[in-house]
Amino acid sequence: MALNVEVTLPAFQKHYGYKLGDPVIAFFQEHAAADAEHSGRQLALTAKYVNTPELAARAMWVAEEACRLRWASITDLYQRRC
């Protein structure tokens, strides 16, 4: 999954009102290609090393926590800017 293209940029538009091309979200637009490459690497590593139900549960928890922290930090930055 290309996180910036499929999740982050649409969420910036829907929840924060930013439009594509807005300099505030330029970092995320500019790094969309690298994001897709990194996502592919992460999926390959997950498929290779997460091979038990326990590891899968731990990987899911870590991924969910990373998403929560990412959105919390972005929301905080947005609120401080306004």
Protein backbone atom coordinates (compact mmCIF):
# COMPACT_ATOMS: atom_id res chain seq x y z
CA MET A 1 0.00 0.00 0.00
CA ALA A 2 1.27 3.44 -0.86
CA LEU A 3 0.37 5.10 2.43
CA ASN A 4 0.81 8.71 1.33
CA VAL A 5 -1.18 8.30 -1.88
CA GLU A 6 -3.90 5.96 -0.61
CA VAL A 7 -4.37 7.15 2.98
CA THR A 8 -2.48 10.27 4.03
CA LEU A 9 -3.22 12.65 1.16
CA PRO A 10 -6.93 11.80 1.00
CA ALA A 11 -7.16 12.20 4.79
CA PHE A 12 -5.48 15.59 4.61
CA GLN A 13 -8.13 16.61 2.09
CA LYS A 14 -11.08 15.13 3.96
CA HIS A 15 -10.20 15.90 7.59
CA TYR A 16 -7.98 18.97 7.35
CA GLY A 17 -9.25 20.67 4.20
CA TYR A 18 -5.92 20.73 2.37
CA LYS A 19 -5.89 20.49 -1.41
CA LEU A 20 -3.29 18.72 -3.54
CA GLY A 21 -0.58 21.23 -4.36
CA ASP A 22 -0.87 23.00 -1.00
CA PRO A 23 2.68 23.68 0.25
CA VAL A 24 1.68 22.50 3.73
CA ILE A 25 1.39 18.89 2.51
CA ALA A 26 4.10 19.12 -0.16
CA PHE A 27 6.42 16.78 1.80
CA PHE A 28 3.86 13.99 1.63
CA GLN A 29 3.19 14.54 -2.08
CA GLU A 30 6.89 14.66 -2.94
CA HIS A 31 7.63 11.45 -1.07
CA ALA A 32 4.76 9.42 -2.51
CA ALA A 33 7.01 7.35 -4.82
CA ALA A 34 9.48 6.56 -2.04
CA ASP A 35 6.55 5.72 0.21
CA ALA A 36 5.31 3.11 -2.26
CA GLU A 37 8.79 1.56 -2.44
CA HIS A 38 9.16 1.51 1.35
CA SER A 39 5.73 -0.05 1.75
CA GLY A 40 6.71 -2.84 -0.62
CA ARG A 41 9.87 -3.53 1.37
CA GLN A 42 7.95 -3.59 4.63
CA LEU A 43 5.41 -6.03 3.23
CA ALA A 44 8.18 -8.32 1.99
CA LEU A 45 9.92 -8.29 5.36
CA THR A 46 6.63 -8.95 7.14
CA ALA A 47 5.88 -11.92 4.88
CA LYS A 48 9.36 -13.30 5.50
CA TYR A 49 9.62 -12.91 9.28
CA VAL A 50 6.10 -12.74 10.70
CA ASN A 51 5.34 -16.43 10.58
CA THR A 52 3.44 -17.23 13.79
CA PRO A 53 0.13 -16.03 15.19
CA GLU A 54 1.99 -14.41 18.10
CA LEU A 55 4.28 -12.45 15.79
CA ALA A 56 1.32 -11.48 13.62
CA ALA A 57 -0.55 -10.14 16.67
CA ARG A 58 2.51 -8.20 17.80
CA ALA A 59 3.09 -6.81 14.29
CA MET A 60 -0.55 -5.69 14.10
CA TRP A 61 -0.28 -3.94 17.47
CA VAL A 62 2.94 -2.18 16.43
CA ALA A 63 1.42 -1.07 13.11
CA GLU A 64 -1.72 0.26 14.81
CA GLU A 65 0.32 2.12 17.43
CA ALA A 66 2.53 3.65 14.72
CA CYS A 67 -0.58 4.88 12.89
CA ARG A 68 -2.07 6.36 16.05
CA LEU A 69 1.18 8.16 16.86
CA ARG A 70 1.54 9.44 13.30
CA TRP A 71 -1.96 10.91 13.23
CA ALA A 72 -1.63 12.33 16.74
CA SER A 73 1.56 14.14 15.77
CA ILE A 74 0.06 15.44 12.51
CA THR A 75 -3.07 16.61 14.33
CA ASP A 76 -0.96 18.36 16.97
CA LEU A 77 1.08 20.12 14.29
CA TYR A 78 -2.12 21.18 12.52
CA GLN A 79 -3.68 22.52 15.73
CA ARG A 80 -0.55 24.48 16.64
CA ARG A 81 -0.50 26.01 13.14
CA CYS A 82 -4.11 27.24 13.35
